[in-house]
Amino acid sequence: MSRSAHPAGPRHADVLPEGHYSGPPADLNALDAKVWSRTVSRNEDGAVTVGGIDVATLAEEFGTPGYFLDEADFRARCRDWREAFGPGADVFYAGKAFLSRAVVRWLHEEGLNLDVCSAGELATALSVGMPAERIAYHGNNKSVAEIERAIEAGVGRIVLDSFQEIVRVAHVAERLGKRQPVQIRVTVGVEAHTHEFIATAHEDQKFGIALAGGEAAEAVRRALKLDGLELVGIHSHIGSQIFDMAGFEVSARRVVGLLAEVRDEHGVELPEIDLGGGLGIAYTSEDDPSEPHQIAKSLHEIVGRECEAAGLRTPRISVEPGRAIVGPTAFTLYEVGTLKPLEGLRTYVSVDGGMSDNIRTALYDAEYSVALVSRTSEAEPMLVRVVGKHCESGDIVVRDAFLPADLAPGDLIAVPATGAYCRSMASNYNHALRPPVVAVADGGARVIVRRETEEDLLRLDVG
């Protein structure tokens, strides 16, 4: 049975129980700054603007559905994380959240490192000159070809996820005449407060090497003996969309305990500790995420305290925010197609996208906000379910929210906080064409990932 935990409830619920959703907001036209990117506002005509451009203009030029990314906000969040952790720590942007060549350039310019987990992500990073030494390579089943590409490129670290990978990476490195810096990913037995599919540090899951039973200590012993590996640290990632720092405290304590064990047994103090990412963002007004400076202060204090207690030098800390940087920077813009009122229940609002551009609601029961953005309205609020145009009853974008009762076909609505995982997990279900990603800044907009075309689909279909 699936756990019911933020940000997802029971995965197979058909209709949410009475009282699941909060009442209508006091002002349907208000835009909660926690949920929207920093340059989003309404103009004097009531239309929402981002980067100085109104949504009607964006829709006319780039079409709907589309992801509109606030470049100034993205860059500001990069700086917030880098400045919060300071020069004595490393911030690796988790590319799986959303990656494109433009994003890699922004990361490079703003001084962040990059975490990749596939050959495609690595190729994207290298194609625009991201220094390989600032790239970390993750994954629970890296192929020999992927490992060869990463080592030949000179990536700064490879995160070892299994006993097989310890040997595999060492053999490839030795064959290439290299000594590859690596970290060992350990599962520390922490149940993060999140959905079971995105909680990654309890023992019963596919990632990492268990701390329990001495397996992680054995992995360290093996890695230290292999000439092709330079073991630089321990990696731990406890989950995603986490608001409570208590899990990080337990994780840090257990990882530092392993560092002390390594010192006592092998006479080596490993210089790095990576605590992963997974810090949550606000998808709705009820969410209350921490700011980067609060997170940095907490993690530095936790690690410093545990190392002092163990008599260890404090290692260099790394973190891997992905969603926390890109998630709030983008919204998805849709055009309303049909409305279907169900008396006593809700009104179904169908839009021109759906689960092909945002699978997270169907996959995790993730909760989102939604707003009428092409105009303001003084109409009464109505309870709606925003759904897509795919042939699935589970094709839901926003399960329960309030929109004005005068909503009509042709109106533009937007779902904020869709910068992370929506385009990354987008599909061609029903042969839908994946939407473009458009960067908006200082009154200008440009496509950074173009909309797919029918020619793109047919080119792959060899007949």
Protein backbone atom coordinates (compact mmCIF):
# COMPACT_ATOMS: atom_id res chain seq x y z
CA MET A 1 0.00 0.00 0.00
CA SER A 2 1.31 3.41 -0.94
CA ARG A 3 2.17 5.87 1.79
CA SER A 4 0.16 9.07 2.01
CA ALA A 5 2.71 11.81 2.48
CA HIS A 6 3.47 15.26 1.17
CA PRO A 7 3.32 16.13 -1.67
CA ALA A 8 1.20 13.16 -2.66
CA GLY A 9 -1.76 11.38 -1.19
CA PRO A 10 -3.24 7.98 -2.06
CA ARG A 11 -2.15 7.31 -5.62
CA HIS A 12 -5.34 5.66 -6.75
CA ALA A 13 -7.90 8.01 -5.21
CA ASP A 14 -10.67 8.69 -7.71
CA VAL A 15 -12.39 11.54 -5.92
CA LEU A 16 -10.71 13.28 -3.04
CA PRO A 17 -12.50 13.07 0.30
CA GLU A 18 -14.52 16.03 1.47
CA GLY A 19 -12.29 18.60 3.13
CA HIS A 20 -9.11 17.55 1.33
CA TYR A 21 -8.84 20.92 -0.38
CA SER A 22 -8.86 24.22 1.45
CA GLY A 23 -11.56 26.80 0.83
CA PRO A 24 -11.32 29.39 -1.94
CA PRO A 25 -8.69 32.10 -1.53
CA ALA A 26 -9.78 35.54 -0.44
CA ASP A 27 -8.71 36.98 -3.81
CA LEU A 28 -8.70 34.80 -6.92
CA ASN A 29 -6.67 37.42 -8.76
CA ALA A 30 -3.81 37.45 -6.25
CA LEU A 31 -0.50 35.79 -7.16
CA ASP A 32 1.25 34.23 -4.17
CA ALA A 33 4.94 35.15 -4.38
CA LYS A 34 5.86 31.81 -2.79
CA VAL A 35 4.47 29.96 -5.79
CA TRP A 36 5.26 32.26 -8.74
CA SER A 37 8.64 33.40 -10.03
CA ARG A 38 10.04 36.75 -9.02
CA THR A 39 9.21 38.87 -12.06
CA VAL A 40 5.59 37.66 -12.35
CA SER A 41 2.91 40.29 -11.73
CA ARG A 42 -0.34 41.61 -13.20
CA ASN A 43 -0.31 44.66 -15.44
CA GLU A 44 -2.82 47.49 -15.38
CA ASP A 45 -5.14 45.49 -17.65
CA GLY A 46 -5.12 42.54 -15.24
CA ALA A 47 -3.05 40.21 -17.43
CA VAL A 48 -0.14 38.35 -15.90
CA THR A 49 3.31 39.32 -17.11
CA VAL A 50 6.68 37.65 -16.69
CA GLY A 51 9.95 39.38 -17.47
CA GLY A 52 7.89 42.36 -18.62
CA ILE A 53 5.87 40.44 -21.26
CA ASP A 54 2.18 39.62 -20.90
CA VAL A 55 0.88 36.09 -21.36
CA ALA A 56 -1.32 36.93 -24.33
CA THR A 57 1.74 38.12 -26.24
CA LEU A 58 3.64 34.99 -25.25
CA ALA A 59 0.76 32.74 -26.28
CA GLU A 60 0.40 34.48 -29.63
CA GLU A 61 4.10 34.22 -30.44
CA PHE A 62 4.96 30.80 -29.02
CA GLY A 63 1.61 29.01 -28.74
CA THR A 64 0.15 26.93 -25.94
CA PRO A 65 0.83 24.81 -24.08
CA GLY A 66 4.26 26.13 -23.30
CA TYR A 67 6.73 26.35 -20.43
CA PHE A 68 7.78 29.95 -19.75
CA LEU A 69 10.96 30.23 -17.71
CA ASP A 70 11.90 33.41 -15.83
CA GLU A 71 15.62 33.66 -16.60
CA ALA A 72 16.28 36.43 -14.06
CA ASP A 73 14.68 34.31 -11.35
CA PHE A 74 16.69 31.23 -12.33
CA ARG A 75 19.95 33.16 -12.20
CA ALA A 76 19.02 34.80 -8.89
CA ARG A 77 18.29 31.41 -7.31
CA CYS A 78 21.65 30.11 -8.52
CA ARG A 79 23.35 33.06 -6.82
CA ASP A 80 21.27 32.58 -3.66
CA TRP A 81 22.47 28.98 -3.30
CA ARG A 82 26.08 29.73 -4.17
CA GLU A 83 26.28 32.68 -1.76
CA ALA A 84 24.43 30.82 1.01
CA PHE A 85 26.94 27.93 1.05
CA GLY A 86 29.99 30.08 0.39
CA PRO A 87 33.38 29.27 -1.10
CA GLY A 88 33.99 26.39 1.30
CA ALA A 89 31.21 24.26 -0.17
CA ASP A 90 30.03 23.07 -3.58
CA VAL A 91 26.58 23.49 -5.12
CA PHE A 92 25.78 20.99 -7.87
CA TYR A 93 22.63 21.76 -9.86
CA ALA A 94 20.71 18.48 -10.35
CA GLY A 95 20.28 18.37 -14.11
CA LYS A 96 17.50 15.78 -13.99
CA ALA A 97 15.10 18.50 -12.83
CA PHE A 98 15.48 20.31 -16.16
CA LEU A 99 18.47 20.59 -18.43
CA SER A 100 19.13 22.41 -21.67
CA ARG A 101 22.14 24.05 -23.25
CA ALA A 102 20.96 27.49 -22.15
CA VAL A 103 20.60 26.27 -18.57
CA VAL A 104 24.13 24.84 -18.64
CA ARG A 105 25.46 28.21 -19.80
CA TRP A 106 23.61 30.00 -17.00
CA LEU A 107 25.00 27.55 -14.43
CA HIS A 108 28.53 28.08 -15.72
CA GLU A 109 28.15 31.86 -15.66
CA GLU A 110 26.65 31.86 -12.16
CA GLY A 111 29.40 29.61 -10.74
CA LEU A 112 27.44 26.43 -10.05
CA ASN A 113 28.55 22.86 -10.70
CA LEU A 114 26.37 20.28 -12.44
CA ASP A 115 25.12 16.82 -11.50
CA VAL A 116 24.23 14.55 -14.44
CA CYS A 117 22.86 11.02 -14.47
CA SER A 118 22.91 9.96 -18.11
CA ALA A 119 25.01 10.11 -21.25
CA GLY A 120 22.53 12.56 -22.74
CA GLU A 121 22.82 14.95 -19.82
CA LEU A 122 26.61 14.72 -19.96
CA ALA A 123 26.59 15.37 -23.72
CA THR A 124 24.38 18.42 -23.22
CA ALA A 125 26.75 19.83 -20.61
CA LEU A 126 29.90 19.20 -22.63
CA SER A 127 28.37 20.57 -25.84
CA VAL A 128 28.39 24.13 -24.48
CA GLY A 129 31.69 24.04 -22.65
CA MET A 130 30.79 23.19 -19.07
CA PRO A 131 34.19 22.31 -17.51
CA ALA A 132 34.16 18.55 -16.98
CA GLU A 133 35.84 18.88 -13.60
CA ARG A 134 32.71 20.68 -12.38
CA ILE A 135 30.46 17.76 -13.35
CA ALA A 136 29.41 14.86 -11.11
CA TYR A 137 28.03 11.68 -12.68
CA HIS A 138 25.25 9.80 -10.87
CA GLY A 139 23.14 6.74 -11.70
CA ASN A 140 22.40 3.30 -10.31
CA ASN A 141 23.37 1.36 -13.45
CA LYS A 142 26.00 3.18 -15.49
CA SER A 143 27.07 1.28 -18.58
CA VAL A 144 30.71 0.73 -19.48
CA ALA A 145 30.25 3.12 -22.41
CA GLU A 146 28.85 5.83 -20.10
CA ILE A 147 31.70 5.36 -17.65
CA GLU A 148 34.27 5.54 -20.45
CA ARG A 149 32.73 8.77 -21.76
CA ALA A 150 32.70 10.33 -18.29
CA ILE A 151 36.29 9.38 -17.46
CA GLU A 152 37.62 10.41 -20.86
CA ALA A 153 35.88 13.77 -20.48
CA GLY A 154 37.48 14.21 -17.05
CA VAL A 155 34.38 14.54 -14.87
CA GLY A 156 35.16 15.75 -11.37
CA ARG A 157 33.55 12.80 -9.64
CA ILE A 158 31.64 9.63 -10.33
CA VAL A 159 29.22 8.53 -7.62
CA LEU A 160 29.51 4.78 -7.12
CA ASP A 161 26.15 3.15 -6.50
CA SER A 162 26.95 -0.58 -6.11
CA PHE A 163 29.73 -3.07 -5.54
CA GLN A 164 29.69 -3.87 -9.26
CA GLU A 165 30.25 -0.22 -10.13
CA ILE A 166 33.28 -0.01 -7.84
CA VAL A 167 35.00 -2.65 -9.95
CA ARG A 168 33.57 -1.43 -13.25
CA VAL A 169 34.75 2.17 -12.83
CA ALA A 170 38.15 1.07 -11.51
CA HIS A 171 38.76 -1.23 -14.46
CA VAL A 172 37.77 1.41 -17.02
CA ALA A 173 39.91 4.05 -15.32
CA GLU A 174 42.95 1.76 -15.20
CA ARG A 175 42.49 0.80 -18.85
CA LEU A 176 42.41 4.50 -19.76
CA GLY A 177 45.43 5.23 -17.59
CA LYS A 178 43.42 7.46 -15.25
CA ARG A 179 42.75 7.71 -11.54
CA GLN A 180 39.12 8.70 -11.24
CA PRO A 181 37.81 10.71 -8.25
CA VAL A 182 34.74 8.94 -6.83
CA GLN A 183 32.26 9.09 -4.00
CA ILE A 184 30.31 6.16 -2.59
CA ARG A 185 26.57 6.61 -2.31
CA VAL A 186 25.27 5.14 0.91
CA THR A 187 21.69 4.52 2.01
CA VAL A 188 21.51 5.66 5.58
CA GLY A 189 18.13 4.24 6.59
CA VAL A 190 16.33 7.59 6.85
CA GLU A 191 12.65 7.70 5.89
CA ALA A 192 12.30 11.16 4.34
CA HIS A 193 8.91 12.84 4.74
CA THR A 194 7.86 12.49 1.11
CA HIS A 195 6.12 10.16 -1.34
CA GLU A 196 7.46 6.61 -1.28
CA PHE A 197 8.53 6.79 -4.93
CA ILE A 198 10.85 9.74 -4.20
CA ALA A 199 12.18 8.68 -0.80
CA THR A 200 15.63 7.31 -1.48
CA ALA A 201 17.51 6.57 1.73
CA HIS A 202 15.62 3.68 3.30
CA GLU A 203 17.16 0.27 2.67
CA ASP A 204 14.41 -1.21 0.47
CA GLN A 205 15.10 0.69 -2.75
CA LYS A 206 17.40 0.67 -5.74
CA PHE A 207 19.88 3.41 -4.87
CA GLY A 208 23.15 3.24 -3.01
CA ILE A 209 24.94 0.81 -0.71
CA ALA A 210 23.40 0.17 2.69
CA LEU A 211 25.10 1.54 5.77
CA ALA A 212 23.46 -1.19 7.79
CA GLY A 213 25.28 -4.50 8.08
CA GLY A 214 28.66 -2.99 7.30
CA GLU A 215 28.09 -2.96 3.52
CA ALA A 216 29.09 0.71 3.07
CA ALA A 217 32.24 0.14 5.15
CA GLU A 218 33.11 -2.82 2.93
CA ALA A 219 32.55 -0.67 -0.17
CA VAL A 220 34.99 1.90 1.21
CA ARG A 221 37.55 -0.82 1.92
CA ARG A 222 37.33 -2.12 -1.65
CA ALA A 223 37.49 1.33 -3.24
CA LEU A 224 40.58 2.30 -1.25
CA LYS A 225 42.44 -0.78 -2.55
CA LEU A 226 41.88 -0.09 -6.26
CA ASP A 227 44.49 1.92 -8.14
CA GLY A 228 41.99 3.33 -10.64
CA LEU A 229 39.92 5.06 -7.94
CA GLU A 230 40.56 8.10 -5.79
CA LEU A 231 37.94 7.92 -3.05
CA VAL A 232 37.16 11.53 -2.09
CA GLY A 233 34.00 11.23 -0.05
CA ILE A 234 30.64 9.80 0.89
CA HIS A 235 27.34 10.68 -0.76
CA SER A 236 23.86 10.50 0.76
CA HIS A 237 20.51 11.51 -0.72
CA ILE A 238 17.40 10.98 1.37
CA GLY A 239 14.59 11.96 -0.99
CA SER A 240 12.81 14.79 -2.76
CA GLN A 241 10.40 17.62 -1.90
CA ILE A 242 11.52 17.64 1.75
CA PHE A 243 10.70 20.50 4.12
CA ASP A 244 11.86 19.02 7.43
CA MET A 245 15.61 19.21 8.16
CA ALA A 246 15.42 16.43 10.75
CA GLY A 247 16.11 13.78 8.11
CA PHE A 248 19.29 15.57 7.06
CA GLU A 249 20.44 15.68 10.69
CA VAL A 250 20.07 11.91 11.06
CA SER A 251 21.70 11.33 7.67
CA ALA A 252 24.67 13.58 8.48
CA ARG A 253 25.19 11.88 11.84
CA ARG A 254 25.31 8.44 10.22
CA VAL A 255 27.57 9.54 7.37
CA VAL A 256 29.98 11.22 9.78
CA GLY A 257 29.95 8.00 11.78
CA LEU A 258 31.10 6.18 8.65
CA LEU A 259 33.86 8.77 8.11
CA ALA A 260 35.08 8.13 11.65
CA GLU A 261 35.03 4.39 11.02
CA VAL A 262 37.09 4.89 7.84
CA ARG A 263 39.64 6.98 9.74
CA ASP A 264 39.94 4.46 12.55
CA GLU A 265 40.29 1.44 10.25
CA HIS A 266 42.26 2.87 7.34
CA GLY A 267 43.90 6.01 8.72
CA VAL A 268 42.20 8.13 6.06
CA GLU A 269 39.98 11.18 6.59
CA LEU A 270 37.85 11.53 3.48
CA PRO A 271 37.67 15.21 2.48
CA GLU A 272 34.09 15.44 1.12
CA ILE A 273 30.53 14.76 2.19
CA ASP A 274 27.63 15.22 -0.23
CA LEU A 275 24.21 15.46 1.40
CA GLY A 276 22.31 15.41 -1.89
CA GLY A 277 19.34 17.56 -2.70
CA GLY A 278 15.61 17.11 -2.36
CA LEU A 279 14.78 20.43 -0.71
CA GLY A 280 11.14 21.27 -1.26
CA ILE A 281 9.46 24.18 -3.01
CA ALA A 282 6.03 25.77 -2.71
CA TYR A 283 3.53 24.26 -5.13
CA THR A 284 0.61 25.73 -3.19
CA SER A 285 0.20 28.51 -0.62
CA GLU A 286 0.14 25.87 2.12
CA ASP A 287 3.75 24.85 1.42
CA ASP A 288 6.46 26.59 3.45
CA PRO A 289 9.95 25.84 2.12
CA SER A 290 13.14 27.08 3.76
CA GLU A 291 15.38 29.67 2.14
CA PRO A 292 18.86 28.66 0.92
CA HIS A 293 20.63 30.58 3.69
CA GLN A 294 18.56 28.75 6.31
CA ILE A 295 19.35 25.40 4.71
CA ALA A 296 23.06 26.21 4.45
CA LYS A 297 23.25 27.34 8.07
CA SER A 298 21.50 24.17 9.27
CA LEU A 299 23.64 21.79 7.22
CA HIS A 300 26.92 23.47 8.17
CA GLU A 301 25.92 23.37 11.85
CA ILE A 302 24.81 19.74 11.68
CA VAL A 303 27.98 18.50 9.97
CA GLY A 304 30.26 20.68 12.08
CA ARG A 305 28.70 19.46 15.31
CA GLU A 306 28.85 15.79 14.32
CA CYS A 307 32.47 16.05 13.14
CA GLU A 308 33.53 17.81 16.32
CA ALA A 309 31.92 15.06 18.39
CA ALA A 310 33.75 12.42 16.31
CA GLY A 311 37.10 14.23 16.43
CA LEU A 312 37.14 14.70 12.64
CA ARG A 313 38.13 17.66 10.51
CA THR A 314 34.98 19.10 8.94
CA PRO A 315 34.85 17.87 5.33
CA ARG A 316 33.86 20.01 2.37
CA ILE A 317 30.08 19.91 2.00
CA SER A 318 28.26 19.49 -1.29
CA VAL A 319 24.54 19.84 -1.99
CA GLU A 320 22.49 19.17 -5.12
CA PRO A 321 19.49 21.47 -5.50
CA GLY A 322 17.60 20.98 -8.75
CA ARG A 323 13.90 21.48 -8.13
CA ALA A 324 14.73 24.15 -5.53
CA ILE A 325 16.39 26.25 -8.24
CA VAL A 326 14.41 25.65 -11.42
CA GLY A 327 11.04 24.57 -10.01
CA PRO A 328 9.67 28.00 -9.07
CA THR A 329 11.15 29.75 -12.12
CA ALA A 330 8.65 28.51 -14.71
CA PHE A 331 4.93 28.20 -15.28
CA THR A 332 3.00 26.24 -17.88
CA LEU A 333 0.58 28.28 -19.96
CA TYR A 334 -2.59 26.62 -21.28
CA GLU A 335 -5.65 27.69 -23.24
CA VAL A 336 -9.02 26.62 -21.88
CA GLY A 337 -10.90 24.43 -24.35
CA THR A 338 -14.08 23.14 -22.67
CA LEU A 339 -15.84 23.40 -19.32
CA LYS A 340 -18.02 20.62 -17.93
CA PRO A 341 -19.94 21.45 -14.72
CA LEU A 342 -20.92 18.47 -12.54
CA GLU A 343 -23.60 19.67 -10.16
CA GLY A 344 -22.66 19.20 -6.53
CA LEU A 345 -19.11 18.13 -7.37
CA ARG A 346 -16.88 20.40 -9.46
CA THR A 347 -16.35 21.81 -12.93
CA TYR A 348 -13.95 20.01 -15.24
CA VAL A 349 -11.78 22.48 -17.12
CA SER A 350 -10.07 20.91 -20.14
CA VAL A 351 -6.90 22.49 -21.48
CA ASP A 352 -4.75 21.96 -24.56
CA GLY A 353 -2.06 19.98 -22.72
CA GLY A 354 -2.17 17.45 -19.92
CA MET A 355 -0.25 14.49 -18.61
CA SER A 356 2.13 14.58 -21.59
CA ASP A 357 3.54 17.89 -20.32
CA ASN A 358 3.02 17.29 -16.58
CA ILE A 359 2.92 13.65 -15.48
CA ARG A 360 3.54 14.44 -11.81
CA THR A 361 -0.12 14.71 -10.80
CA ALA A 362 -0.91 11.31 -12.29
CA LEU A 363 2.33 9.76 -11.03
CA TYR A 364 2.53 11.17 -7.50
CA ASP A 365 -0.85 12.85 -6.91
CA ALA A 366 1.25 16.01 -6.77
CA GLU A 367 -0.62 19.18 -5.91
CA TYR A 368 -0.42 22.39 -7.94
CA SER A 369 -1.91 25.85 -8.01
CA VAL A 370 -3.62 27.41 -11.02
CA ALA A 371 -4.74 30.91 -11.95
CA LEU A 372 -6.63 32.74 -14.66
CA VAL A 373 -3.86 34.83 -16.19
CA SER A 374 -5.22 36.50 -19.33
CA ARG A 375 -7.48 38.79 -17.28
CA THR A 376 -8.81 39.43 -13.83
CA SER A 377 -12.30 38.49 -12.71
CA GLU A 378 -14.68 39.49 -9.95
CA ALA A 379 -16.84 36.38 -10.42
CA GLU A 380 -17.50 33.96 -7.60
CA PRO A 381 -14.99 31.12 -7.15
CA MET A 382 -15.87 27.69 -8.49
CA LEU A 383 -14.21 24.41 -7.57
CA VAL A 384 -12.48 23.00 -10.64
CA ARG A 385 -10.41 20.07 -11.75
CA VAL A 386 -8.02 21.02 -14.54
CA VAL A 387 -7.64 18.11 -16.93
CA GLY A 388 -5.83 17.44 -20.18
CA LYS A 389 -6.92 16.22 -23.59
CA HIS A 390 -5.45 12.71 -23.44
CA CYS A 391 -7.40 9.47 -23.52
CA GLU A 392 -6.93 8.74 -19.80
CA SER A 393 -9.30 9.41 -16.91
CA GLY A 394 -6.16 10.02 -14.82
CA ASP A 395 -5.08 12.84 -17.14
CA ILE A 396 -5.26 15.47 -14.42
CA VAL A 397 -3.12 18.61 -14.21
CA VAL A 398 -4.56 20.20 -11.05
CA ARG A 399 -6.79 17.93 -9.02
CA ASP A 400 -8.74 20.50 -7.03
CA ALA A 401 -8.49 24.29 -7.14
CA PHE A 402 -10.66 27.39 -7.47
CA LEU A 403 -11.06 29.53 -10.59
CA PRO A 404 -13.58 32.29 -11.38
CA ALA A 405 -17.08 31.14 -12.31
CA ASP A 406 -16.98 33.19 -15.53
CA LEU A 407 -14.06 31.17 -16.90
CA ALA A 408 -14.65 30.54 -20.61
CA PRO A 409 -13.10 28.74 -23.57
CA GLY A 410 -10.20 30.77 -24.94
CA ASP A 411 -9.11 32.06 -21.53
CA LEU A 412 -5.48 31.51 -20.61
CA ILE A 413 -4.70 29.77 -17.33
CA ALA A 414 -1.28 29.01 -15.90
CA VAL A 415 0.10 26.41 -13.51
CA PRO A 416 3.11 27.79 -11.59
CA ALA A 417 6.12 25.93 -10.20
CA THR A 418 6.44 23.63 -13.21
CA GLY A 419 10.11 24.28 -13.95
CA ALA A 420 11.24 20.99 -12.44
CA TYR A 421 10.52 17.57 -13.91
CA CYS A 422 7.61 18.61 -16.13
CA ARG A 423 9.57 19.08 -19.37
CA SER A 424 12.13 16.49 -18.23
CA MET A 425 9.42 13.84 -17.85
CA ALA A 426 7.27 14.99 -20.79
CA SER A 427 6.13 12.36 -23.26
CA ASN A 428 4.55 11.91 -26.67
CA TYR A 429 1.54 10.05 -25.28
CA ASN A 430 -1.23 10.05 -27.90
CA HIS A 431 1.52 11.40 -30.20
CA ALA A 432 1.30 14.75 -28.47
CA LEU A 433 4.01 17.23 -29.39
CA ARG A 434 6.12 18.24 -26.43
CA PRO A 435 5.82 21.97 -25.66
CA PRO A 436 8.62 24.49 -26.02
CA VAL A 437 10.60 26.03 -23.20
CA VAL A 438 10.77 29.79 -23.61
CA ALA A 439 13.16 31.93 -21.56
CA VAL A 440 11.80 35.37 -20.71
CA ALA A 441 13.92 38.24 -19.39
CA ASP A 442 13.96 42.05 -19.51
CA GLY A 443 11.13 42.38 -22.00
CA GLY A 444 12.47 39.75 -24.39
CA ALA A 445 11.64 36.09 -24.97
CA ARG A 446 13.47 33.35 -26.83
CA VAL A 447 12.97 29.64 -27.35
CA ILE A 448 15.60 27.54 -25.59
CA VAL A 449 13.94 24.19 -26.34
CA ARG A 450 11.71 24.33 -29.39
CA ARG A 451 8.27 22.82 -29.71
CA GLU A 452 8.25 19.41 -31.32
CA THR A 453 6.73 19.07 -34.76
CA GLU A 454 4.97 16.28 -36.60
CA GLU A 455 8.12 15.96 -38.68
CA ASP A 456 10.06 15.19 -35.49
CA LEU A 457 7.67 12.36 -34.66
CA LEU A 458 7.67 10.92 -38.16
CA ARG A 459 11.45 11.14 -38.49
CA LEU A 460 11.83 8.58 -35.69
CA ASP A 461 9.18 6.27 -37.17
CA VAL A 462 11.11 4.34 -39.82
CA GLY A 463 7.97 2.67 -41.12
